Protein backbone atom coordinates (compact mmCIF):
# COMPACT_ATOMS: atom_id res chain seq x y z
CA MET A 1 87.73 100.28 75.46
CA ARG A 2 89.18 101.56 72.11
CA LEU A 3 92.71 101.15 72.19
CA ALA A 4 93.69 102.73 68.68
CA ASP A 5 95.39 106.01 69.26
CA SER A 6 94.84 105.60 73.14
CA VAL A 7 97.53 106.40 75.58
CA ILE A 8 98.25 103.52 78.03
CA VAL A 9 100.93 103.72 80.91
CA VAL A 10 102.53 100.49 81.61
CA THR A 11 104.71 99.63 84.61
CA GLY A 12 107.27 96.88 84.66
CA GLY A 13 107.49 97.54 80.91
CA GLY A 14 111.33 96.60 80.94
CA ASN A 15 110.92 92.92 80.97
CA GLY A 16 108.57 90.01 81.35
CA ILE A 17 104.63 90.43 81.39
CA GLY A 18 104.96 94.34 81.37
CA ARG A 19 107.36 94.21 78.41
CA GLN A 20 104.87 91.96 76.49
CA VAL A 21 101.80 93.90 77.39
CA ALA A 22 103.46 96.87 75.97
CA LEU A 23 104.46 95.31 72.63
CA HIS A 24 100.74 93.81 72.35
CA LEU A 25 99.35 97.43 72.80
CA LEU A 26 101.56 98.86 70.29
CA ARG A 27 100.56 96.27 67.71
CA LEU A 28 96.95 97.29 68.47
CA GLY A 29 97.55 100.77 67.69
CA ALA A 30 97.94 102.38 71.00
CA ARG A 31 100.59 104.67 72.29
CA VAL A 32 102.43 103.36 75.19
CA ALA A 33 104.55 105.10 78.19
CA ILE A 34 106.58 102.17 79.60
CA VAL A 35 107.81 102.46 83.07
CA ASP A 36 110.65 100.52 84.88
CA LEU A 37 113.39 100.91 87.34
CA ASN A 38 115.80 99.31 84.88
CA SER A 39 116.62 101.75 82.11
CA ASP A 40 118.54 99.20 80.04
CA GLY A 41 115.19 97.18 80.12
CA LEU A 42 113.36 100.04 78.84
CA GLU A 43 115.57 100.63 75.89
CA GLU A 44 115.44 97.09 74.91
CA THR A 45 111.56 96.99 75.20
CA LYS A 46 111.71 100.15 72.64
CA ARG A 47 114.24 98.21 70.36
CA LEU A 48 111.79 95.02 70.26
CA ALA A 49 108.81 97.37 69.28
CA GLY A 50 110.86 98.31 65.94
CA ALA A 51 111.21 101.41 64.23
CA PRO A 52 107.60 101.61 63.00
CA ALA A 53 106.63 102.38 66.73
CA LYS A 54 109.23 104.69 67.84
CA ASN A 55 106.61 107.37 67.60
CA GLN A 56 104.12 105.54 69.77
CA ILE A 57 106.39 104.67 72.65
CA SER A 58 108.16 106.52 75.55
CA THR A 59 110.55 105.31 78.34
CA HIS A 60 110.49 106.52 81.88
CA ALA A 61 112.95 105.25 84.28
CA LEU A 62 111.85 105.41 87.79
CA ASN A 63 111.17 103.63 91.05
CA VAL A 64 107.54 103.01 91.64
CA THR A 65 108.23 103.45 95.31
CA ASP A 66 109.65 106.95 95.02
CA ARG A 67 106.51 109.01 95.31
CA ASP A 68 107.74 112.28 94.24
CA ALA A 69 109.26 110.64 90.97
CA VAL A 70 105.74 109.13 90.57
CA ASP A 71 103.73 112.31 91.33
CA ALA A 72 105.73 113.81 88.53
CA LEU A 73 105.08 111.10 86.10
CA PRO A 74 101.78 112.06 84.75
CA VAL A 75 102.83 115.38 83.64
CA GLU A 76 105.84 113.79 81.76
CA VAL A 77 103.46 111.33 79.91
CA ILE A 78 100.93 114.13 79.01
CA ALA A 79 103.71 116.37 77.77
CA ARG A 80 104.92 113.64 75.50
CA HIS A 81 101.48 111.97 74.45
CA GLY A 82 99.10 114.72 75.18
CA GLN A 83 96.57 112.44 77.24
CA VAL A 84 96.41 109.16 79.52
CA ASP A 85 93.54 106.69 78.73
CA GLY A 86 94.84 103.88 80.87
CA VAL A 87 97.31 102.46 83.24
CA ILE A 88 98.38 99.08 84.03
CA ASN A 89 100.30 98.13 86.91
CA VAL A 90 102.31 95.35 86.29
CA ALA A 91 105.70 96.07 88.37
CA GLY A 92 106.17 93.67 91.27
CA ILE A 93 108.59 91.26 92.87
CA ILE A 94 108.45 88.03 94.64
CA HIS A 95 110.68 87.04 97.68
CA ARG A 96 112.81 84.00 98.41
CA PHE A 97 110.81 80.50 98.50
CA VAL A 98 110.98 80.31 102.54
CA ARG A 99 108.67 80.30 105.41
CA VAL A 100 107.66 84.06 106.45
CA ASP A 101 109.57 83.93 109.74
CA GLU A 102 112.74 83.34 107.82
CA LEU A 103 112.41 86.44 105.75
CA SER A 104 114.13 89.59 107.26
CA MET A 105 112.29 93.09 107.89
CA ASN A 106 114.00 94.58 105.07
CA GLU A 107 112.85 92.02 102.82
CA LEU A 108 109.15 92.35 103.97
CA HIS A 109 109.26 95.96 103.69
CA ARG A 110 110.62 96.03 100.26
CA ILE A 111 107.97 93.51 99.26
CA VAL A 112 105.13 95.85 100.74
CA ASP A 113 106.75 98.92 99.07
CA VAL A 114 107.07 97.70 95.53
CA ASN A 115 104.08 95.45 95.22
CA PHE A 116 101.46 97.28 97.23
CA TRP A 117 102.63 101.03 97.66
CA GLY A 118 104.07 101.00 93.98
CA THR A 119 100.77 100.06 92.78
CA VAL A 120 98.85 102.32 95.14
CA ASN A 121 101.30 105.39 94.01
CA ILE A 122 100.88 104.92 90.38
CA SER A 123 97.08 104.46 90.70
CA LEU A 124 96.53 107.50 92.91
CA ALA A 125 98.95 109.73 90.67
CA PHE A 126 97.01 109.02 87.26
CA LEU A 127 93.57 108.64 88.69
CA PRO A 128 92.71 112.31 88.38
CA HIS A 129 93.70 112.36 84.68
CA LEU A 130 91.80 109.08 83.91
CA ARG A 131 88.65 110.81 85.48
CA GLN A 132 88.86 113.44 82.98
CA ARG A 133 88.85 111.07 79.91
CA PRO A 134 85.29 110.00 78.50
CA GLU A 135 86.65 106.35 78.77
CA ALA A 136 89.48 105.10 80.77
CA SER A 137 90.84 102.13 82.41
CA LEU A 138 92.94 100.93 85.48
CA VAL A 139 94.24 97.40 85.53
CA ASN A 140 96.18 96.19 88.65
CA ILE A 141 98.02 92.81 88.39
CA SER A 142 97.34 90.67 91.64
CA SER A 143 98.06 86.93 91.80
CA LEU A 144 96.51 83.71 92.11
CA SER A 145 98.41 83.94 95.44
CA ALA A 146 95.82 86.62 96.35
CA LEU A 147 93.09 83.97 96.08
CA LEU A 148 94.81 81.21 97.70
CA PRO A 149 98.05 80.81 99.95
CA PHE A 150 101.17 79.38 98.61
CA ALA A 151 103.57 78.23 101.07
CA GLY A 152 106.90 79.88 100.69
CA GLN A 153 105.36 83.18 99.15
CA THR A 154 102.98 83.74 102.04
CA PHE A 155 104.04 87.30 102.31
CA TYR A 156 104.06 87.97 98.55
CA GLY A 157 100.59 86.80 98.61
CA ALA A 158 99.38 89.11 101.42
CA THR A 159 100.60 91.98 99.32
CA LYS A 160 98.90 90.78 96.43
CA ALA A 161 95.75 90.32 98.54
CA ALA A 162 95.92 93.79 99.44
CA ILE A 163 96.07 94.82 95.57
CA LYS A 164 93.07 92.74 95.09
CA LEU A 165 91.01 94.44 97.93
CA PHE A 166 92.39 98.15 96.92
CA SER A 167 91.44 97.61 93.13
CA GLU A 168 88.12 96.08 93.79
CA GLY A 169 87.38 99.02 96.20
CA LEU A 170 88.46 101.35 93.44
CA TYR A 171 85.85 99.63 91.12
CA GLN A 172 82.94 100.35 93.60
CA GLU A 173 83.97 104.05 93.94
CA LEU A 174 84.61 104.63 90.31
CA ARG A 175 81.52 102.81 89.09
CA ASP A 176 79.72 106.04 88.42
CA THR A 177 82.55 107.66 86.37
CA GLY A 178 84.07 106.59 82.99
CA VAL A 179 87.02 104.79 84.49
CA ARG A 180 86.87 100.81 84.55
CA VAL A 181 89.05 98.91 87.02
CA THR A 182 90.24 95.33 86.05
CA THR A 183 92.04 93.12 88.55
CA VAL A 184 94.04 90.38 87.03
CA PHE A 185 94.84 87.03 88.82
CA PRO A 186 97.88 85.27 86.98
CA GLY A 187 98.97 81.67 88.04
CA ASN A 188 102.34 80.42 87.19
CA ILE A 189 103.67 82.55 84.38
CA SER A 190 107.22 81.78 82.58
CA THR A 191 108.95 84.89 83.44
CA ASN A 192 112.52 85.65 85.11
CA ILE A 193 110.66 86.86 88.44
CA SER A 194 111.71 83.68 89.97
CA GLY A 195 115.04 84.83 89.47
CA ASN A 196 114.74 87.53 92.25
CA SER A 197 114.23 84.49 94.65
CA GLY A 198 117.03 82.65 93.60
CA VAL A 199 114.72 79.97 91.87
CA THR A 200 115.19 79.58 87.89
CA ALA A 201 112.19 77.33 87.79
CA LEU A 202 109.52 76.61 90.27
CA GLU A 203 109.33 72.85 90.75
CA VAL A 204 107.04 70.63 92.51
CA GLY A 205 108.51 67.38 93.56
CA ASP A 206 110.22 65.98 90.54
CA ARG A 207 108.19 67.74 88.09
CA LYS A 208 108.02 71.42 86.83
CA VAL A 209 104.75 73.43 86.82
CA ARG A 210 103.17 74.12 83.70
CA ALA A 211 103.44 77.97 82.91
CA THR A 212 101.56 80.35 80.67
CA THR A 213 103.68 82.53 78.46
CA PRO A 214 104.30 86.03 78.92
CA GLU A 215 102.82 86.63 75.52
CA GLU A 216 99.53 84.64 76.17
CA THR A 217 99.42 86.44 79.43
CA ALA A 218 99.54 89.77 77.90
CA ARG A 219 96.77 89.23 75.26
CA LYS A 220 94.55 88.24 78.30
CA ILE A 221 95.34 91.23 80.13
CA VAL A 222 94.81 93.44 77.40
CA ALA A 223 91.62 91.78 76.27
CA GLY A 224 90.28 92.34 79.71
CA MET A 225 91.16 95.91 79.39
CA GLN A 226 89.20 96.18 76.31
CA SER A 227 86.20 94.60 77.54
CA GLY A 228 86.14 96.18 81.03
CA ARG A 229 86.32 92.84 82.91
CA PHE A 230 85.99 93.09 86.56
CA ARG A 231 88.37 90.05 87.13
CA VAL A 232 90.81 88.15 84.79
CA LEU A 233 92.25 84.94 85.65
CA VAL A 234 95.44 83.84 83.65
CA GLY A 235 96.24 80.15 83.18
CA THR A 236 94.48 76.82 83.65
CA ASP A 237 96.22 76.76 87.15
CA ALA A 238 94.54 79.80 88.17
CA ILE A 239 91.28 78.93 86.86
CA PHE A 240 91.04 75.23 88.31
CA LEU A 241 92.21 76.17 91.62
CA ASP A 242 90.10 79.26 91.85
CA ALA A 243 87.08 77.09 91.11
CA LEU A 244 88.36 74.32 93.34
CA SER A 245 88.77 76.85 96.25
CA ARG A 246 85.00 77.75 95.87
CA VAL A 247 83.95 74.26 96.39
CA SER A 248 86.12 73.26 99.20
CA PRO A 249 88.71 75.92 100.53
CA ARG A 250 90.30 74.12 103.12
CA ALA A 251 91.07 71.10 100.88
CA THR A 252 92.29 73.21 98.08
CA THR A 253 94.63 74.84 100.99
CA ASN A 254 95.86 71.51 102.00
CA PHE A 255 96.53 70.41 98.53
CA ILE A 256 98.51 73.28 97.54
CA ALA A 257 100.27 72.88 100.84
CA ARG A 258 101.50 69.35 99.77
CA GLN A 259 102.57 70.57 96.52
CA MET A 260 104.65 73.21 97.92
CA GLN A 261 106.59 70.91 100.33
CA GLY A 262 108.93 70.00 97.47
CA VAL A 263 109.76 73.53 96.94
CA LEU A 264 110.39 74.89 100.88
CA PRO A 265 113.96 73.88 102.23
CA ARG A 266 113.59 71.36 105.18
CA ARG A 267 114.15 73.00 108.43
CA LEU A 268 115.90 71.15 111.15
CA VAL A 269 113.92 71.31 114.19
CA THR A 270 115.62 70.57 117.73
CA ALA A 271 113.32 69.66 120.32
CA LEU A 272 114.15 71.29 123.61
CA ARG A 273 114.51 68.76 126.71
CA PRO A 274 114.64 69.51 130.37
CA LYS A 275 118.10 68.99 131.90
CA SER A 276 118.52 65.84 133.89
């Protein structure tokens, strides 16, 4: 896909991976509509883009779970840029590093609403406009957690697995159109997303897990979009564990479970004994 003068919508553009994707696209000559719940974050991304890019970028503060606001977004973007050639769904959250039965129903619903429905809402809102273009791209960010379970992020992984199947199903349905669908599976990325779960840095035992930078992640995402890749794995951890799981899924799952023991808080289990 040719990026120069194309118009790309990036959700989660107010920080982390989304911000770096937007900045990288701008450097390649694309026009970018950045979407985020945090208007201050959007303005910071715009500031980082610099004065030369001020006519290439637009900011759109909204909640991706708000279907009415999302349905109105394509009209706003087209009014500003004249067209839409691509969408990159980055917006997503994790939950606390706890066992799934320790999460409240409100937490579970929030993860589904943001990660899965947010991606679905944006995809379906823009799909009719993408289909009108001679060449277009839809990129959805899943996770290594969609390919392998990680104790402590079980429900997060379930929503990312839903994104995987949604995206790959769209790929099948759009094969005879000009829309290319790419699914991205990042491993551990050094963003502040962990702060949402109260974890400043993921630690396994007494060592920190090696993380890929948001900048490198952004380059791989955009490169995957340009080439129309079916899947993009980001990080040596994603590449290694995905390959290992194909050889032995159970052994790989057990390996990850042992690593994650250092992340999960210990749970006190009291046995119920019959009264004497």
